[in-house]
Amino acid sequence: MAVVETERLGQVLVVRMNRPERLNALNLEMRTRLAETWTEFRRDAGLEVAIFTGTGRGFCAGEDMRESVQRGTPGGQRPPIEDPFMSGVLEKPVIAAVNGYAMGGGFMLVERTDLRVAVREAVFEVSEAKRWLLGGYNHGYVANLPYPIAMEMALGFRFTAERFYEIGFLNRLVDADQLIPSAIAMAEHLLTLPPASRVNTVHMMRQMRPMPAPEVQRLGAALREHGAKSDLMESRAAFAEKRAPNFKGWDNPEDRYRLPTLDTIES
């Protein structure tokens, strides 16, 4: 069984993650096949729009924790080739059709798409606060969300699809049987536009998305190192073993009072 399935519908390519028994968690095999699929999509002159979805109850659960524990290092292993969808060089629009859970890295896949349709039962979570030493501070900022909602996202709270629709993160909220038809309808609209207009407009809109300033990103990098590194694997082991984690926090307890700041990091 292929971990990524594709279906051509004229000029539209449906890309479907297919590890339903793992909620489509991103192991190395899936990451590699997605990179290959997006590369093929980018180079195919007969394809103009992609619909990105998953099988089963999950869109994508993010990092495959079991694989991380087996490898002994946190975070997903990157594929050996460039993924144009993840690197940002893919010029063609991608529509997310979120069929279920979109967690951690799965949320980030949705975040990278240009238009988003979700079933009413979908659940979203920015999981970095649960797995790293810094929560996902940038996601709410990139999405232009108010501070308390961005804070809620960064701290790993879960969001329903209905709430995300209300705050403008999703374009459409539909019943399950209308998920792919709704995404196809959006793709068909895009195909009515002059090709250059479609490509240029998507490119322009992507350039206008907010990004944290360089000094904020440097502070973020410093904070990712500020804490007990052993907690990174402990969070993943606890998840894989279905138990409560035993976090250390800081190797030196006094470090909790020595937070890096914008004034103390080097440019």
Protein backbone atom coordinates (compact mmCIF):
# COMPACT_ATOMS: atom_id res chain seq x y z
CA MET A 1 0.00 0.00 0.00
CA ALA A 2 1.47 3.35 -1.08
CA VAL A 3 1.92 5.82 1.76
CA VAL A 4 1.01 8.64 -0.66
CA GLU A 5 -1.66 8.18 -3.31
CA THR A 6 -2.38 10.54 -6.20
CA GLU A 7 -5.32 11.00 -8.54
CA ARG A 8 -5.45 13.21 -11.64
CA LEU A 9 -8.68 15.07 -12.29
CA GLY A 10 -7.86 16.97 -15.47
CA GLN A 11 -5.50 19.76 -14.42
CA VAL A 12 -6.04 19.02 -10.73
CA LEU A 13 -3.90 16.58 -8.73
CA VAL A 14 -5.32 15.07 -5.54
CA VAL A 15 -2.48 14.17 -3.15
CA ARG A 16 -3.61 11.84 -0.38
CA MET A 17 -1.50 10.80 2.62
CA ASN A 18 -2.19 7.15 3.28
CA ARG A 19 -1.09 5.79 6.65
CA PRO A 20 -4.55 5.72 8.27
CA GLU A 21 -3.46 3.29 11.00
CA ARG A 22 -1.01 5.99 12.23
CA LEU A 23 -3.27 8.99 11.51
CA ASN A 24 -0.96 9.68 8.55
CA ALA A 25 2.01 10.47 10.83
CA LEU A 26 5.06 11.69 8.94
CA ASN A 27 7.71 8.97 8.88
CA LEU A 28 10.73 9.19 6.58
CA GLU A 29 9.03 7.12 3.88
CA MET A 30 6.05 9.47 3.71
CA ARG A 31 8.19 12.61 3.82
CA THR A 32 10.28 11.27 0.94
CA ARG A 33 7.27 10.27 -1.15
CA LEU A 34 5.63 13.65 -0.55
CA ALA A 35 8.81 15.41 -1.70
CA GLU A 36 8.81 13.29 -4.86
CA THR A 37 5.11 13.92 -5.46
CA TRP A 38 5.37 17.69 -5.09
CA THR A 39 8.41 17.72 -7.38
CA GLU A 40 6.49 15.76 -10.04
CA PHE A 41 3.49 18.08 -9.63
CA ARG A 42 5.66 21.16 -10.00
CA ARG A 43 7.29 19.92 -13.22
CA ASP A 44 4.12 18.59 -14.89
CA ALA A 45 2.85 21.24 -17.32
CA GLY A 46 -0.53 19.52 -17.44
CA LEU A 47 -1.23 20.07 -13.74
CA GLU A 48 -2.13 23.48 -12.30
CA VAL A 49 -3.76 23.00 -8.87
CA ALA A 50 -3.34 20.43 -6.09
CA ILE A 51 -5.74 19.22 -3.42
CA PHE A 52 -3.93 17.90 -0.33
CA THR A 53 -5.80 15.48 1.95
CA GLY A 54 -5.50 12.31 4.01
CA THR A 55 -7.21 8.94 4.48
CA GLY A 56 -9.07 7.77 7.56
CA ARG A 57 -9.69 9.82 10.71
CA GLY A 58 -6.62 12.00 10.36
CA PHE A 59 -5.32 14.54 7.92
CA CYS A 60 -1.88 14.20 9.50
CA ALA A 61 -0.75 13.61 13.11
CA GLY A 62 2.66 15.21 12.46
CA GLU A 63 5.93 13.68 13.59
CA ASP A 64 5.95 9.88 13.85
CA MET A 65 6.88 9.57 17.54
CA ARG A 66 7.61 5.86 17.32
CA GLU A 67 10.15 6.45 14.58
CA SER A 68 11.78 9.25 16.62
CA VAL A 69 12.06 7.00 19.69
CA GLN A 70 13.51 4.16 17.63
CA ARG A 71 16.04 6.54 16.04
CA GLY A 72 16.83 8.15 19.40
CA THR A 73 16.64 11.74 18.16
CA PRO A 74 13.71 14.20 18.28
CA GLY A 75 12.05 15.60 15.20
CA GLY A 76 11.24 14.14 11.81
CA GLN A 77 14.05 12.96 9.57
CA ARG A 78 14.25 15.09 6.44
CA PRO A 79 13.99 13.41 3.03
CA PRO A 80 17.10 13.13 0.85
CA ILE A 81 15.60 15.43 -1.81
CA GLU A 82 14.09 18.91 -1.67
CA ASP A 83 10.37 19.15 -1.01
CA PRO A 84 9.19 22.17 -3.06
CA PHE A 85 5.97 22.43 -1.04
CA MET A 86 7.90 22.73 2.23
CA SER A 87 10.73 24.89 0.85
CA GLY A 88 8.30 27.40 -0.65
CA VAL A 89 9.45 27.18 -4.29
CA LEU A 90 6.23 25.50 -5.51
CA GLU A 91 4.58 28.07 -7.76
CA LYS A 92 1.20 26.32 -8.08
CA PRO A 93 -1.67 26.74 -5.60
CA VAL A 94 -2.45 23.99 -3.08
CA ILE A 95 -5.86 23.52 -1.45
CA ALA A 96 -6.02 21.66 1.87
CA ALA A 97 -8.95 19.26 2.27
CA VAL A 98 -8.70 18.52 5.99
CA ASN A 99 -10.48 15.25 6.70
CA GLY A 100 -9.63 14.90 10.40
CA TYR A 101 -6.88 15.51 12.94
CA ALA A 102 -4.20 18.02 11.88
CA MET A 103 -1.66 18.02 14.69
CA GLY A 104 1.87 19.40 15.02
CA GLY A 105 3.58 18.89 11.70
CA GLY A 106 0.19 18.09 10.22
CA PHE A 107 -1.06 21.53 11.26
CA MET A 108 2.02 23.02 9.61
CA LEU A 109 1.13 21.27 6.34
CA VAL A 110 -2.30 22.93 6.43
CA GLU A 111 -0.66 26.24 7.30
CA ARG A 112 1.47 26.10 4.14
CA THR A 113 -1.53 25.69 1.83
CA ASP A 114 -3.21 28.58 0.04
CA LEU A 115 -6.89 27.70 0.52
CA ARG A 116 -8.44 25.40 3.16
CA VAL A 117 -11.56 23.29 3.39
CA ALA A 118 -12.22 21.15 6.49
CA VAL A 119 -14.82 18.73 7.75
CA ARG A 120 -16.73 19.87 10.82
CA GLU A 121 -15.13 17.11 12.93
CA ALA A 122 -11.54 18.18 12.20
CA VAL A 123 -9.28 19.06 15.15
CA PHE A 124 -6.17 21.23 14.99
CA GLU A 125 -3.21 21.60 17.34
CA VAL A 126 0.14 23.39 17.24
CA SER A 127 2.10 20.82 19.26
CA GLU A 128 5.56 22.37 19.62
CA ALA A 129 5.03 23.36 23.26
CA LYS A 130 4.46 19.67 24.04
CA ARG A 131 7.51 18.33 22.20
CA TRP A 132 10.21 21.02 22.23
CA LEU A 133 11.57 23.71 24.55
CA LEU A 134 9.61 26.51 22.85
CA GLY A 135 6.01 26.58 21.72
CA GLY A 136 4.91 27.56 18.24
CA TYR A 137 5.15 31.30 18.77
CA ASN A 138 5.12 32.15 15.07
CA HIS A 139 1.99 30.35 13.84
CA GLY A 140 -0.63 32.75 15.18
CA TYR A 141 1.50 35.66 14.02
CA VAL A 142 1.74 34.30 10.47
CA ALA A 143 -2.03 33.72 10.49
CA ASN A 144 -2.73 37.31 11.61
CA LEU A 145 -4.57 36.13 14.73
CA PRO A 146 -5.18 38.25 17.86
CA TYR A 147 -2.62 37.91 20.66
CA PRO A 148 -4.67 35.73 23.06
CA ILE A 149 -5.58 33.29 20.30
CA ALA A 150 -1.98 33.19 19.06
CA MET A 151 -0.92 32.54 22.67
CA GLU A 152 -3.48 29.73 22.96
CA MET A 153 -2.11 28.17 19.78
CA ALA A 154 1.49 28.50 20.94
CA LEU A 155 0.73 26.77 24.25
CA GLY A 156 -0.63 23.65 22.54
CA PHE A 157 -4.37 24.02 23.06
CA ARG A 158 -6.60 22.21 20.59
CA PHE A 159 -8.96 24.00 18.22
CA THR A 160 -12.11 22.73 16.57
CA ALA A 161 -12.65 23.29 12.88
CA GLU A 162 -15.65 25.47 13.68
CA ARG A 163 -13.53 27.80 15.80
CA PHE A 164 -10.81 27.98 13.17
CA TYR A 165 -13.46 28.82 10.58
CA GLU A 166 -14.81 31.58 12.80
CA ILE A 167 -11.40 33.21 13.24
CA GLY A 168 -10.63 33.01 9.52
CA PHE A 169 -8.04 30.21 9.39
CA LEU A 170 -10.33 28.06 7.18
CA ASN A 171 -12.14 29.08 3.98
CA ARG A 172 -14.89 26.44 4.06
CA LEU A 173 -16.46 24.19 6.69
CA VAL A 174 -18.36 21.24 5.20
CA ASP A 175 -19.88 17.84 5.89
CA ALA A 176 -17.57 14.90 5.21
CA ASP A 177 -19.24 13.91 1.93
CA GLN A 178 -18.70 17.43 0.59
CA LEU A 179 -15.00 17.75 1.47
CA ILE A 180 -13.43 16.76 -1.84
CA PRO A 181 -16.28 18.17 -4.00
CA SER A 182 -15.89 21.53 -2.24
CA ALA A 183 -12.13 21.50 -2.77
CA ILE A 184 -12.63 20.55 -6.43
CA ALA A 185 -15.07 23.46 -6.85
CA MET A 186 -12.41 25.84 -5.52
CA ALA A 187 -9.83 24.32 -7.87
CA GLU A 188 -12.20 24.69 -10.83
CA HIS A 189 -12.62 28.38 -10.02
CA LEU A 190 -8.84 28.81 -10.00
CA LEU A 191 -8.64 27.16 -13.41
CA THR A 192 -10.98 29.82 -14.88
CA LEU A 193 -8.37 32.51 -14.17
CA PRO A 194 -5.69 33.49 -16.70
CA PRO A 195 -2.71 31.21 -15.89
CA ALA A 196 -0.32 34.11 -15.24
CA SER A 197 -2.88 35.82 -13.01
CA ARG A 198 -3.35 32.67 -10.93
CA VAL A 199 0.39 32.06 -10.48
CA ASN A 200 1.30 35.71 -9.95
CA THR A 201 -1.51 36.36 -7.46
CA VAL A 202 -0.65 33.30 -5.36
CA HIS A 203 3.01 34.34 -5.39
CA MET A 204 2.17 37.92 -4.38
CA MET A 205 -0.13 36.85 -1.57
CA ARG A 206 2.53 34.51 -0.19
CA GLN A 207 5.07 37.36 -0.13
CA MET A 208 2.68 39.47 1.95
CA ARG A 209 2.26 36.95 4.76
CA PRO A 210 3.68 38.25 8.05
CA MET A 211 6.96 36.79 9.28
CA PRO A 212 8.66 37.32 12.65
CA ALA A 213 11.51 39.82 12.46
CA PRO A 214 15.06 38.41 12.27
CA GLU A 215 15.86 39.41 15.86
CA VAL A 216 12.72 37.63 17.08
CA GLN A 217 13.73 34.51 15.16
CA ARG A 218 17.18 34.68 16.79
CA LEU A 219 15.54 34.89 20.21
CA GLY A 220 13.39 31.91 19.27
CA ALA A 221 16.51 29.92 18.33
CA ALA A 222 18.08 30.77 21.71
CA LEU A 223 14.95 29.73 23.60
CA ARG A 224 14.86 26.39 21.77
CA GLU A 225 18.16 25.65 23.52
CA HIS A 226 17.05 26.97 26.92
CA GLY A 227 16.07 23.94 29.00
CA ALA A 228 16.84 20.30 29.65
CA LYS A 229 17.39 18.60 26.30
CA SER A 230 16.47 15.27 27.87
CA ASP A 231 12.86 16.48 27.97
CA LEU A 232 12.71 16.34 24.16
CA MET A 233 13.01 12.55 24.05
CA GLU A 234 11.04 12.13 27.29
CA SER A 235 8.00 13.79 25.70
CA ARG A 236 8.21 11.45 22.72
CA ALA A 237 8.86 8.32 24.78
CA ALA A 238 5.92 9.11 27.05
CA PHE A 239 3.67 9.60 24.04
CA ALA A 240 4.80 6.35 22.41
CA GLU A 241 4.44 4.45 25.71
CA LYS A 242 1.09 6.10 26.54
CA ARG A 243 2.19 7.34 29.97
CA ALA A 244 2.57 10.65 31.76
CA PRO A 245 5.93 12.33 31.04
CA ASN A 246 8.51 12.96 33.76
CA PHE A 247 9.98 16.29 32.76
CA LYS A 248 13.17 17.76 34.23
CA GLY A 249 12.69 21.34 33.07
CA TRP A 250 16.21 22.74 33.38
CA ASP A 251 19.58 21.07 34.00
CA ASN A 252 20.32 24.03 36.29
CA PRO A 253 17.15 25.11 38.16
CA GLU A 254 18.38 28.72 38.20
CA ASP A 255 18.20 28.85 34.37
CA ARG A 256 14.44 29.36 34.56
CA TYR A 257 15.24 32.87 35.83
CA ARG A 258 17.91 33.54 33.15
CA LEU A 259 15.78 33.77 30.03
CA PRO A 260 17.42 35.11 26.88
CA THR A 261 15.93 38.41 25.75
CA LEU A 262 16.03 40.55 22.62
CA ASP A 263 18.61 42.72 24.38
CA THR A 264 20.97 39.86 25.26
CA ILE A 265 21.07 37.85 22.00
CA GLU A 266 23.72 38.65 19.42
CA SER A 267 22.77 39.90 15.97
